[in-house]
PDB file of N, CA and C in Angstrom:
ATOM      1  N   MET A   1      22.176 -21.782  28.611  1.00  0.00           N
ATOM      2  CA  MET A   1      21.582 -21.746  27.299  1.00  0.00           C
ATOM      3  C   MET A   1      22.402 -20.841  26.377  1.00  0.00           C
ATOM      4  N   LEU A   2      22.524 -19.580  26.727  1.00  0.00           N
ATOM      5  CA  LEU A   2      23.344 -18.670  25.941  1.00  0.00           C
ATOM      6  C   LEU A   2      24.695 -18.530  26.622  1.00  0.00           C
ATOM      7  N   GLU A   3      25.754 -18.795  25.889  1.00  0.00           N
ATOM      8  CA  GLU A   3      27.080 -18.813  26.491  1.00  0.00           C
ATOM      9  C   GLU A   3      27.641 -17.416  26.688  1.00  0.00           C
ATOM     10  N   ASN A   4      27.368 -16.516  25.776  1.00  0.00           N
ATOM     11  CA  ASN A   4      27.902 -15.174  25.920  1.00  0.00           C
ATOM     12  C   ASN A   4      26.943 -14.154  25.314  1.00  0.00           C
ATOM     13  N   THR A   5      27.345 -12.896  25.390  1.00  0.00           N
ATOM     14  CA  THR A   5      26.474 -11.828  24.893  1.00  0.00           C
ATOM     15  C   THR A   5      26.368 -11.834  23.370  1.00  0.00           C
ATOM     16  N   ASN A   6      27.387 -12.353  22.695  1.00  0.00           N
ATOM     17  CA  ASN A   6      27.319 -12.415  21.236  1.00  0.00           C
ATOM     18  C   ASN A   6      26.168 -13.298  20.774  1.00  0.00           C
ATOM     19  N   GLN A   7      25.993 -14.419  21.440  1.00  0.00           N
ATOM     20  CA  GLN A   7      24.886 -15.297  21.086  1.00  0.00           C
ATOM     21  C   GLN A   7      23.542 -14.640  21.386  1.00  0.00           C
ATOM     22  N   MET A   8      23.494 -13.890  22.475  1.00  0.00           N
ATOM     23  CA  MET A   8      22.255 -13.206  22.824  1.00  0.00           C
ATOM     24  C   MET A   8      21.906 -12.148  21.771  1.00  0.00           C
ATOM     25  N   VAL A   9      22.898 -11.408  21.305  1.00  0.00           N
ATOM     26  CA  VAL A   9      22.667 -10.399  20.280  1.00  0.00           C
ATOM     27  C   VAL A   9      22.251 -11.068  18.975  1.00  0.00           C
ATOM     28  N   MET A  10      22.864 -12.175  18.651  1.00  0.00           N
ATOM     29  CA  MET A  10      22.489 -12.906  17.436  1.00  0.00           C
ATOM     30  C   MET A  10      21.047 -13.416  17.520  1.00  0.00           C
ATOM     31  N   MET A  11      20.662 -13.955  18.665  1.00  0.00           N
ATOM     32  CA  MET A  11      19.298 -14.438  18.841  1.00  0.00           C
ATOM     33  C   MET A  11      18.291 -13.282  18.778  1.00  0.00           C
ATOM     34  N   LEU A  12      18.640 -12.156  19.379  1.00  0.00           N
ATOM     35  CA  LEU A  12      17.758 -10.992  19.342  1.00  0.00           C
ATOM     36  C   LEU A  12      17.602 -10.465  17.926  1.00  0.00           C
ATOM     37  N   SER A  13      18.705 -10.396  17.192  1.00  0.00           N
ATOM     38  CA  SER A  13      18.611  -9.916  15.815  1.00  0.00           C
ATOM     39  C   SER A  13      17.833 -10.895  14.935  1.00  0.00           C
ATOM     40  N   LEU A  14      17.979 -12.186  15.186  1.00  0.00           N
ATOM     41  CA  LEU A  14      17.203 -13.179  14.455  1.00  0.00           C
ATOM     42  C   LEU A  14      15.710 -13.040  14.758  1.00  0.00           C
ATOM     43  N   ALA A  15      15.384 -12.827  16.024  1.00  0.00           N
ATOM     44  CA  ALA A  15      13.977 -12.657  16.411  1.00  0.00           C
ATOM     45  C   ALA A  15      13.395 -11.394  15.772  1.00  0.00           C
ATOM     46  N   LEU A  16      14.157 -10.311  15.762  1.00  0.00           N
ATOM     47  CA  LEU A  16      13.691  -9.082  15.131  1.00  0.00           C
ATOM     48  C   LEU A  16      13.491  -9.260  13.631  1.00  0.00           C
ATOM     49  N   ALA A  17      14.406  -9.974  13.003  1.00  0.00           N
ATOM     50  CA  ALA A  17      14.283 -10.219  11.564  1.00  0.00           C
ATOM     51  C   ALA A  17      13.050 -11.069  11.253  1.00  0.00           C
ATOM     52  N   VAL A  18      12.804 -12.082  12.051  1.00  0.00           N
ATOM     53  CA  VAL A  18      11.629 -12.933  11.838  1.00  0.00           C
ATOM     54  C   VAL A  18      10.346 -12.126  12.055  1.00  0.00           C
ATOM     55  N   LEU A  19      10.309 -11.306  13.107  1.00  0.00           N
ATOM     56  CA  LEU A  19       9.136 -10.465  13.337  1.00  0.00           C
ATOM     57  C   LEU A  19       8.942  -9.459  12.204  1.00  0.00           C
ATOM     58  N   GLY A  20      10.031  -8.924  11.685  1.00  0.00           N
ATOM     59  CA  GLY A  20       9.942  -7.997  10.567  1.00  0.00           C
ATOM     60  C   GLY A  20       9.380  -8.660   9.324  1.00  0.00           C
ATOM     61  N   ILE A  21       9.811  -9.878   9.047  1.00  0.00           N
ATOM     62  CA  ILE A  21       9.301 -10.606   7.884  1.00  0.00           C
ATOM     63  C   ILE A  21       7.832 -10.960   8.074  1.00  0.00           C
ATOM     64  N   VAL A  22       7.456 -11.352   9.282  1.00  0.00           N
ATOM     65  CA  VAL A  22       6.055 -11.669   9.560  1.00  0.00           C
ATOM     66  C   VAL A  22       5.183 -10.424   9.380  1.00  0.00           C
ATOM     67  N   CYS A  23       5.631  -9.282   9.892  1.00  0.00           N
ATOM     68  CA  CYS A  23       4.874  -8.034   9.724  1.00  0.00           C
ATOM     69  C   CYS A  23       4.773  -7.642   8.256  1.00  0.00           C
ATOM     70  N   LEU A  24       5.824  -7.869   7.496  1.00  0.00           N
ATOM     71  CA  LEU A  24       5.789  -7.554   6.072  1.00  0.00           C
ATOM     72  C   LEU A  24       4.784  -8.447   5.339  1.00  0.00           C
ATOM     73  N   ILE A  25       4.751  -9.713   5.690  1.00  0.00           N
ATOM     74  CA  ILE A  25       3.789 -10.634   5.071  1.00  0.00           C
ATOM     75  C   ILE A  25       2.357 -10.236   5.441  1.00  0.00           C
ATOM     76  N   ILE A  26       2.142  -9.870   6.706  1.00  0.00           N
ATOM     77  CA  ILE A  26       0.810  -9.435   7.135  1.00  0.00           C
ATOM     78  C   ILE A  26       0.380  -8.191   6.372  1.00  0.00           C
ATOM     79  N   SER A  27       1.300  -7.246   6.205  1.00  0.00           N
ATOM     80  CA  SER A  27       0.945  -6.014   5.490  1.00  0.00           C
ATOM     81  C   SER A  27       0.626  -6.293   4.028  1.00  0.00           C
ATOM     82  N   ILE A  28       1.377  -7.194   3.412  1.00  0.00           N
ATOM     83  CA  ILE A  28       1.099  -7.540   2.015  1.00  0.00           C
ATOM     84  C   ILE A  28      -0.274  -8.197   1.897  1.00  0.00           C
ATOM     85  N   VAL A  29      -0.603  -9.072   2.838  1.00  0.00           N
ATOM     86  CA  VAL A  29      -1.912  -9.738   2.808  1.00  0.00           C
ATOM     87  C   VAL A  29      -3.033  -8.720   2.989  1.00  0.00           C
ATOM     88  N   ILE A  30      -2.870  -7.795   3.928  1.00  0.00           N
ATOM     89  CA  ILE A  30      -3.911  -6.794   4.182  1.00  0.00           C
ATOM     90  C   ILE A  30      -4.104  -5.900   2.971  1.00  0.00           C
ATOM     91  N   LEU A  31      -3.012  -5.413   2.405  1.00  0.00           N
ATOM     92  CA  LEU A  31      -3.135  -4.507   1.270  1.00  0.00           C
ATOM     93  C   LEU A  31      -3.619  -5.234   0.013  1.00  0.00           C
ATOM     94  N   ALA A  32      -3.188  -6.467  -0.192  1.00  0.00           N
ATOM     95  CA  ALA A  32      -3.651  -7.218  -1.361  1.00  0.00           C
ATOM     96  C   ALA A  32      -5.115  -7.610  -1.229  1.00  0.00           C
ATOM     97  N   LYS A  33      -5.511  -7.952  -0.022  1.00  0.00           N
ATOM     98  CA  LYS A  33      -6.906  -8.319   0.207  1.00  0.00           C
ATOM     99  C   LYS A  33      -7.820  -7.128  -0.064  1.00  0.00           C
ATOM    100  N   GLN A  34      -7.372  -5.961   0.313  1.00  0.00           N
ATOM    101  CA  GLN A  34      -8.179  -4.770   0.079  1.00  0.00           C
ATOM    102  C   GLN A  34      -8.223  -4.433  -1.411  1.00  0.00           C
ATOM    103  N   ALA A  35      -7.113  -4.640  -2.102  1.00  0.00           N
ATOM    104  CA  ALA A  35      -7.088  -4.341  -3.536  1.00  0.00           C
ATOM    105  C   ALA A  35      -7.961  -5.319  -4.319  1.00  0.00           C
ATOM    106  N   VAL A  36      -7.997  -6.565  -3.882  1.00  0.00           N
ATOM    107  CA  VAL A  36      -8.788  -7.576  -4.571  1.00  0.00           C
ATOM    108  C   VAL A  36     -10.276  -7.450  -4.217  1.00  0.00           C
ATOM    109  N   ASN A  37     -10.552  -7.045  -3.011  1.00  0.00           N
ATOM    110  CA  ASN A  37     -11.930  -6.990  -2.537  1.00  0.00           C
ATOM    111  C   ASN A  37     -12.639  -5.772  -3.128  1.00  0.00           C
ATOM    112  N   ARG A  38     -13.368  -5.995  -4.169  1.00  0.00           N
ATOM    113  CA  ARG A  38     -14.100  -4.911  -4.834  1.00  0.00           C
ATOM    114  C   ARG A  38     -15.553  -4.862  -4.377  1.00  0.00           C
ATOM    115  N   ASN A  39     -15.920  -5.697  -3.422  1.00  0.00           N
ATOM    116  CA  ASN A  39     -17.301  -5.704  -2.951  1.00  0.00           C
ATOM    117  C   ASN A  39     -17.674  -4.399  -2.272  1.00  0.00           C
ATOM    118  N   ILE A  40     -16.734  -3.820  -1.554  1.00  0.00           N
ATOM    119  CA  ILE A  40     -17.003  -2.551  -0.876  1.00  0.00           C
ATOM    120  C   ILE A  40     -17.302  -1.470  -1.898  1.00  0.00           C
ATOM    121  N   GLN A  41     -16.553  -1.460  -2.984  1.00  0.00           N
ATOM    122  CA  GLN A  41     -16.799  -0.460  -4.017  1.00  0.00           C
ATOM    123  C   GLN A  41     -18.147  -0.688  -4.688  1.00  0.00           C
ATOM    124  N   ALA A  42     -18.523  -1.929  -4.897  1.00  0.00           N
ATOM    125  CA  ALA A  42     -19.817  -2.224  -5.499  1.00  0.00           C
ATOM    126  C   ALA A  42     -20.950  -1.766  -4.591  1.00  0.00           C
ATOM    127  N   ILE A  43     -20.806  -1.996  -3.296  1.00  0.00           N
ATOM    128  CA  ILE A  43     -21.826  -1.544  -2.346  1.00  0.00           C
ATOM    129  C   ILE A  43     -21.897  -0.027  -2.341  1.00  0.00           C
ATOM    130  N   ALA A  44     -20.746   0.639  -2.370  1.00  0.00           N
ATOM    131  CA  ALA A  44     -20.739   2.098  -2.382  1.00  0.00           C
ATOM    132  C   ALA A  44     -21.398   2.648  -3.646  1.00  0.00           C
ATOM    133  N   GLU A  45     -21.133   2.014  -4.781  1.00  0.00           N
ATOM    134  CA  GLU A  45     -21.742   2.474  -6.024  1.00  0.00           C
ATOM    135  C   GLU A  45     -23.254   2.286  -6.007  1.00  0.00           C
ATOM    136  N   SER A  46     -23.708   1.126  -5.544  1.00  0.00           N
ATOM    137  CA  SER A  46     -25.150   0.897  -5.495  1.00  0.00           C
ATOM    138  C   SER A  46     -25.821   1.795  -4.467  1.00  0.00           C
ATOM    139  N   THR A  47     -25.121   2.104  -3.372  1.00  0.00           N
ATOM    140  CA  THR A  47     -25.673   3.015  -2.381  1.00  0.00           C
ATOM    141  C   THR A  47     -25.769   4.423  -2.940  1.00  0.00           C
ATOM    142  N   THR A  48     -24.781   4.827  -3.733  1.00  0.00           N
ATOM    143  CA  THR A  48     -24.833   6.136  -4.365  1.00  0.00           C
ATOM    144  C   THR A  48     -26.010   6.220  -5.325  1.00  0.00           C
ATOM    145  N   LYS A  49     -26.235   5.158  -6.090  1.00  0.00           N
ATOM    146  CA  LYS A  49     -27.391   5.133  -6.993  1.00  0.00           C
ATOM    147  C   LYS A  49     -28.692   5.193  -6.210  1.00  0.00           C
ATOM    148  N   LEU A  50     -28.714   4.488  -5.082  1.00  0.00           N
ATOM    149  CA  LEU A  50     -29.895   4.497  -4.229  1.00  0.00           C
ATOM    150  C   LEU A  50     -30.140   5.888  -3.656  1.00  0.00           C
ATOM    151  N   ALA A  51     -29.073   6.566  -3.274  1.00  0.00           N
ATOM    152  CA  ALA A  51     -29.209   7.926  -2.745  1.00  0.00           C
ATOM    153  C   ALA A  51     -29.719   8.874  -3.814  1.00  0.00           C
ATOM    154  N   GLU A  52     -29.213   8.721  -5.033  1.00  0.00           N
ATOM    155  CA  GLU A  52     -29.693   9.573  -6.126  1.00  0.00           C
ATOM    156  C   GLU A  52     -31.172   9.320  -6.404  1.00  0.00           C
ATOM    157  N   LYS A  53     -31.579   8.081  -6.350  1.00  0.00           N
ATOM    158  CA  LYS A  53     -32.986   7.754  -6.551  1.00  0.00           C
ATOM    159  C   LYS A  53     -33.824   8.335  -5.420  1.00  0.00           C
ATOM    160  N   GLY A  54     -33.292   8.287  -4.213  1.00  0.00           N
ATOM    161  CA  GLY A  54     -34.017   8.861  -3.081  1.00  0.00           C
ATOM    162  C   GLY A  54     -34.171  10.365  -3.208  1.00  0.00           C
ATOM    163  N   ILE A  55     -33.173  11.035  -3.771  1.00  0.00           N
ATOM    164  CA  ILE A  55     -33.258  12.477  -3.961  1.00  0.00           C
ATOM    165  C   ILE A  55     -34.337  12.799  -4.988  1.00  0.00           C
ATOM    166  N   THR A  56     -34.357  12.044  -6.079  1.00  0.00           N
ATOM    167  CA  THR A  56     -35.349  12.329  -7.119  1.00  0.00           C
ATOM    168  C   THR A  56     -36.755  11.969  -6.663  1.00  0.00           C
ATOM    169  N   ASP A  57     -36.902  10.983  -5.819  1.00  0.00           N
ATOM    170  CA  ASP A  57     -38.220  10.594  -5.337  1.00  0.00           C
ATOM    171  C   ASP A  57     -38.649  11.372  -4.106  1.00  0.00           C
ATOM    172  N   GLY A  58     -37.743  12.134  -3.517  1.00  0.00           N
ATOM    173  CA  GLY A  58     -38.081  12.947  -2.356  1.00  0.00           C
ATOM    174  C   GLY A  58     -38.093  12.191  -1.047  1.00  0.00           C
ATOM    175  N   ILE A  59     -37.327  11.130  -0.945  1.00  0.00           N
ATOM    176  CA  ILE A  59     -37.283  10.337   0.286  1.00  0.00           C
ATOM    177  C   ILE A  59     -36.033  10.756   1.056  1.00  0.00           C
ATOM    178  N   SER A  60     -36.220  11.607   2.053  1.00  0.00           N
ATOM    179  CA  SER A  60     -35.065  12.177   2.754  1.00  0.00           C
ATOM    180  C   SER A  60     -34.407  11.175   3.705  1.00  0.00           C
ATOM    181  N   GLY A  61     -35.161  10.303   4.322  1.00  0.00           N
ATOM    182  CA  GLY A  61     -34.582   9.329   5.250  1.00  0.00           C
ATOM    183  C   GLY A  61     -33.684   8.338   4.541  1.00  0.00           C
ATOM    184  N   LEU A  62     -34.082   7.956   3.346  1.00  0.00           N
ATOM    185  CA  LEU A  62     -33.277   7.033   2.549  1.00  0.00           C
ATOM    186  C   LEU A  62     -31.954   7.664   2.163  1.00  0.00           C
ATOM    187  N   VAL A  63     -31.998   8.947   1.816  1.00  0.00           N
ATOM    188  CA  VAL A  63     -30.774   9.659   1.432  1.00  0.00           C
ATOM    189  C   VAL A  63     -29.833   9.780   2.618  1.00  0.00           C
ATOM    190  N   GLY A  64     -30.374  10.070   3.788  1.00  0.00           N
ATOM    191  CA  GLY A  64     -29.538  10.196   4.978  1.00  0.00           C
ATOM    192  C   GLY A  64     -28.854   8.893   5.339  1.00  0.00           C
ATOM    193  N   ASN A  65     -29.594   7.800   5.274  1.00  0.00           N
ATOM    194  CA  ASN A  65     -29.012   6.498   5.582  1.00  0.00           C
ATOM    195  C   ASN A  65     -27.988   6.079   4.537  1.00  0.00           C
ATOM    196  N   ALA A  66     -28.245   6.376   3.285  1.00  0.00           N
ATOM    197  CA  ALA A  66     -27.307   6.018   2.222  1.00  0.00           C
ATOM    198  C   ALA A  66     -26.012   6.802   2.354  1.00  0.00           C
ATOM    199  N   SER A  67     -26.107   8.092   2.688  1.00  0.00           N
ATOM    200  CA  SER A  67     -24.883   8.882   2.846  1.00  0.00           C
ATOM    201  C   SER A  67     -24.092   8.423   4.070  1.00  0.00           C
ATOM    202  N   LEU A  68     -24.787   8.015   5.119  1.00  0.00           N
ATOM    203  CA  LEU A  68     -24.100   7.469   6.297  1.00  0.00           C
ATOM    204  C   LEU A  68     -23.382   6.170   5.949  1.00  0.00           C
ATOM    205  N   LEU A  69     -24.012   5.327   5.136  1.00  0.00           N
ATOM    206  CA  LEU A  69     -23.384   4.068   4.705  1.00  0.00           C
ATOM    207  C   LEU A  69     -22.148   4.335   3.849  1.00  0.00           C
ATOM    208  N   ILE A  70     -22.235   5.305   2.957  1.00  0.00           N
ATOM    209  CA  ILE A  70     -21.087   5.646   2.110  1.00  0.00           C
ATOM    210  C   ILE A  70     -19.929   6.150   2.952  1.00  0.00           C
ATOM    211  N   SER A  71     -20.207   7.017   3.918  1.00  0.00           N
ATOM    212  CA  SER A  71     -19.117   7.542   4.752  1.00  0.00           C
ATOM    213  C   SER A  71     -18.502   6.451   5.622  1.00  0.00           C
ATOM    214  N   SER A  72     -19.307   5.530   6.125  1.00  0.00           N
ATOM    215  CA  SER A  72     -18.733   4.441   6.939  1.00  0.00           C
ATOM    216  C   SER A  72     -17.912   3.486   6.086  1.00  0.00           C
ATOM    217  N   LEU A  73     -18.338   3.242   4.837  1.00  0.00           N
ATOM    218  CA  LEU A  73     -17.538   2.406   3.939  1.00  0.00           C
ATOM    219  C   LEU A  73     -16.207   3.072   3.616  1.00  0.00           C
ATOM    220  N   ASN A  74     -16.214   4.376   3.398  1.00  0.00           N
ATOM    221  CA  ASN A  74     -14.964   5.100   3.137  1.00  0.00           C
ATOM    222  C   ASN A  74     -14.043   5.055   4.339  1.00  0.00           C
ATOM    223  N   ASP A  75     -14.602   5.217   5.540  1.00  0.00           N
ATOM    224  CA  ASP A  75     -13.781   5.135   6.753  1.00  0.00           C
ATOM    225  C   ASP A  75     -13.177   3.754   6.927  1.00  0.00           C
ATOM    226  N   MET A  76     -13.956   2.707   6.633  1.00  0.00           N
ATOM    227  CA  MET A  76     -13.446   1.342   6.756  1.00  0.00           C
ATOM    228  C   MET A  76     -12.310   1.094   5.767  1.00  0.00           C
ATOM    229  N   THR A  77     -12.452   1.607   4.561  1.00  0.00           N
ATOM    230  CA  THR A  77     -11.402   1.439   3.552  1.00  0.00           C
ATOM    231  C   THR A  77     -10.138   2.169   3.976  1.00  0.00           C
ATOM    232  N   LYS A  78     -10.289   3.367   4.488  1.00  0.00           N
ATOM    233  CA  LYS A  78      -9.125   4.138   4.934  1.00  0.00           C
ATOM    234  C   LYS A  78      -8.426   3.466   6.105  1.00  0.00           C
ATOM    235  N   SER A  79      -9.185   2.911   7.040  1.00  0.00           N
ATOM    236  CA  SER A  79      -8.557   2.290   8.203  1.00  0.00           C
ATOM    237  C   SER A  79      -7.801   1.023   7.811  1.00  0.00           C
ATOM    238  N   ASN A  80      -8.333   0.242   6.876  1.00  0.00           N
ATOM    239  CA  ASN A  80      -7.619  -0.955   6.418  1.00  0.00           C
ATOM    240  C   ASN A  80      -6.319  -0.572   5.723  1.00  0.00           C
ATOM    241  N   THR A  81      -6.351   0.473   4.915  1.00  0.00           N
ATOM    242  CA  THR A  81      -5.131   0.936   4.261  1.00  0.00           C
ATOM    243  C   THR A  81      -4.126   1.419   5.300  1.00  0.00           C
ATOM    244  N   GLY A  82      -4.604   2.133   6.298  1.00  0.00           N
ATOM    245  CA  GLY A  82      -3.719   2.631   7.357  1.00  0.00           C
ATOM    246  C   GLY A  82      -3.057   1.510   8.136  1.00  0.00           C
ATOM    247  N   ILE A  83      -3.811   0.477   8.414  1.00  0.00           N
ATOM    248  CA  ILE A  83      -3.250  -0.671   9.136  1.00  0.00           C
ATOM    249  C   ILE A  83      -2.186  -1.359   8.294  1.00  0.00           C
ATOM    250  N   GLY A  84      -2.456  -1.535   7.010  1.00  0.00           N
ATOM    251  CA  GLY A  84      -1.471  -2.160   6.121  1.00  0.00           C
ATOM    252  C   GLY A  84      -0.194  -1.354   6.016  1.00  0.00           C
ATOM    253  N   ILE A  85      -0.329  -0.037   5.882  1.00  0.00           N
ATOM    254  CA  ILE A  85       0.850   0.830   5.785  1.00  0.00           C
ATOM    255  C   ILE A  85       1.608   0.852   7.105  1.00  0.00           C
ATOM    256  N   PHE A  86       0.891   0.829   8.231  1.00  0.00           N
ATOM    257  CA  PHE A  86       1.558   0.768   9.533  1.00  0.00           C
ATOM    258  C   PHE A  86       2.399  -0.493   9.650  1.00  0.00           C
ATOM    259  N   PHE A  87       1.869  -1.631   9.210  1.00  0.00           N
ATOM    260  CA  PHE A  87       2.640  -2.876   9.265  1.00  0.00           C
ATOM    261  C   PHE A  87       3.855  -2.831   8.340  1.00  0.00           C
ATOM    262  N   VAL A  88       3.746  -2.143   7.210  1.00  0.00           N
ATOM    263  CA  VAL A  88       4.913  -1.994   6.329  1.00  0.00           C
ATOM    264  C   VAL A  88       6.014  -1.225   7.047  1.00  0.00           C
ATOM    265  N   PHE A  89       5.655  -0.094   7.666  1.00  0.00           N
ATOM    266  CA  PHE A  89       6.665   0.698   8.374  1.00  0.00           C
ATOM    267  C   PHE A  89       7.221  -0.047   9.587  1.00  0.00           C
ATOM    268  N   LEU A  90       6.370  -0.771  10.297  1.00  0.00           N
ATOM    269  CA  LEU A  90       6.842  -1.551  11.434  1.00  0.00           C
ATOM    270  C   LEU A  90       7.825  -2.631  10.993  1.00  0.00           C
ATOM    271  N   SER A  91       7.543  -3.286   9.882  1.00  0.00           N
ATOM    272  CA  SER A  91       8.468  -4.311   9.390  1.00  0.00           C
ATOM    273  C   SER A  91       9.794  -3.689   8.972  1.00  0.00           C
ATOM    274  N   LEU A  92       9.749  -2.510   8.359  1.00  0.00           N
ATOM    275  CA  LEU A  92      11.002  -1.844   7.985  1.00  0.00           C
ATOM    276  C   LEU A  92      11.830  -1.480   9.209  1.00  0.00           C
ATOM    277  N   VAL A  93      11.177  -1.011  10.259  1.00  0.00           N
ATOM    278  CA  VAL A  93      11.898  -0.667  11.490  1.00  0.00           C
ATOM    279  C   VAL A  93      12.494  -1.914  12.131  1.00  0.00           C
ATOM    280  N   LEU A  94      11.730  -2.992  12.182  1.00  0.00           N
ATOM    281  CA  LEU A  94      12.238  -4.237  12.778  1.00  0.00           C
ATOM    282  C   LEU A  94      13.403  -4.809  11.984  1.00  0.00           C
ATOM    283  N   LEU A  95      13.301  -4.793  10.665  1.00  0.00           N
ATOM    284  CA  LEU A  95      14.403  -5.301   9.850  1.00  0.00           C
ATOM    285  C   LEU A  95      15.633  -4.408   9.949  1.00  0.00           C
ATOM    286  N   ALA A  96      15.441  -3.096  10.042  1.00  0.00           N
ATOM    287  CA  ALA A  96      16.578  -2.183  10.213  1.00  0.00           C
ATOM    288  C   ALA A  96      17.251  -2.401  11.566  1.00  0.00           C
ATOM    289  N   ALA A  97      16.457  -2.626  12.607  1.00  0.00           N
ATOM    290  CA  ALA A  97      17.032  -2.899  13.928  1.00  0.00           C
ATOM    291  C   ALA A  97      17.806  -4.214  13.928  1.00  0.00           C
ATOM    292  N   ALA A  98      17.276  -5.214  13.250  1.00  0.00           N
ATOM    293  CA  ALA A  98      17.986  -6.494  13.166  1.00  0.00           C
ATOM    294  C   ALA A  98      19.297  -6.330  12.409  1.00  0.00           C
ATOM    295  N   TYR A  99      19.289  -5.564  11.333  1.00  0.00           N
ATOM    296  CA  TYR A  99      20.518  -5.322  10.576  1.00  0.00           C
ATOM    297  C   TYR A  99      21.529  -4.542  11.410  1.00  0.00           C
ATOM    298  N   TYR A 100      21.047  -3.549  12.152  1.00  0.00           N
ATOM    299  CA  TYR A 100      21.937  -2.751  12.995  1.00  0.00           C
ATOM    300  C   TYR A 100      22.601  -3.624  14.057  1.00  0.00           C
ATOM    301  N   LEU A 101      21.858  -4.562  14.628  1.00  0.00           N
ATOM    302  CA  LEU A 101      22.435  -5.426  15.662  1.00  0.00           C
ATOM    303  C   LEU A 101      23.413  -6.434  15.073  1.00  0.00           C
ATOM    304  N   ILE A 102      23.184  -6.909  13.870  1.00  0.00           N
ATOM    305  CA  ILE A 102      24.029  -7.960  13.311  1.00  0.00           C
ATOM    306  C   ILE A 102      25.200  -7.394  12.501  1.00  0.00           C
ATOM    307  N   GLN A 103      25.171  -6.117  12.228  1.00  0.00           N
ATOM    308  CA  GLN A 103      26.207  -5.494  11.392  1.00  0.00           C
ATOM    309  C   GLN A 103      27.636  -5.712  11.917  1.00  0.00           C
ATOM    310  N   PRO A 104      27.912  -5.582  13.210  1.00  0.00           N
ATOM    311  CA  PRO A 104      29.289  -5.842  13.657  1.00  0.00           C
ATOM    312  C   PRO A 104      29.766  -7.276  13.418  1.00  0.00           C
ATOM    313  N   PHE A 105      28.828  -8.215  13.416  1.00  0.00           N
ATOM    314  CA  PHE A 105      29.205  -9.614  13.216  1.00  0.00           C
ATOM    315  C   PHE A 105      29.429  -9.944  11.742  1.00  0.00           C
ATOM    316  N   LEU A 106      28.865  -9.159  10.847  1.00  0.00           N
ATOM    317  CA  LEU A 106      29.036  -9.408   9.426  1.00  0.00           C
ATOM    318  C   LEU A 106      30.477  -9.170   8.970  1.00  0.00           C
ATOM    319  N   SER A 107      31.161  -8.246   9.635  1.00  0.00           N
ATOM    320  CA  SER A 107      32.557  -7.988   9.264  1.00  0.00           C
ATOM    321  C   SER A 107      33.495  -9.111   9.721  1.00  0.00           C
ATOM    322  N   LEU A 108      33.041  -9.943  10.656  1.00  0.00           N
ATOM    323  CA  LEU A 108      33.858 -11.047  11.155  1.00  0.00           C
ATOM    324  C   LEU A 108      33.777 -12.288  10.284  1.00  0.00           C
ATOM    325  N   LEU A 109      32.770 -12.318   9.395  1.00  0.00           N
ATOM    326  CA  LEU A 109      32.625 -13.493   8.529  1.00  0.00           C
ATOM    327  C   LEU A 109      33.746 -13.535   7.492  1.00  0.00           C
ATOM    328  N   PRO A 110      34.171 -14.745   7.125  1.00  0.00           N
ATOM    329  CA  PRO A 110      35.279 -14.848   6.147  1.00  0.00           C
ATOM    330  C   PRO A 110      34.853 -14.493   4.742  1.00  0.00           C
TER     331      PRO A 110
END
C-alpha cells in the first residue's frame, strides 16, 4: 500500500490536517451555537427576577432553588465555552503538527 516512508509521512500529515480542520469546525459550531443561544440568559434573568420576588415575599425555599439554578446555568455556560476553546487549541496543535511533518517536502516542490 505505502511504498516508502515519504508516503507514510504525507498520509500522516494529511490525516492530521483533516483532523485539525474537523476540530476547528466543531469548535466554531460550539462557540457560535452558544453565542446564538440566548435562551440560557433569558432563563437566568427570569430566575433572578423570581429570586428577587421570593426575597421580598419571604419565601426562602424559592430563593435557594433559584440561586442553585442560576449557578448551574453559569457552570453550564462556562463548560461549553471551555470545550469550544479546547477544540480551538487542539485544532491549532494538529495543524501545526501537520505543517511540521510536511515542511521538508514543501522545499522539494518546483
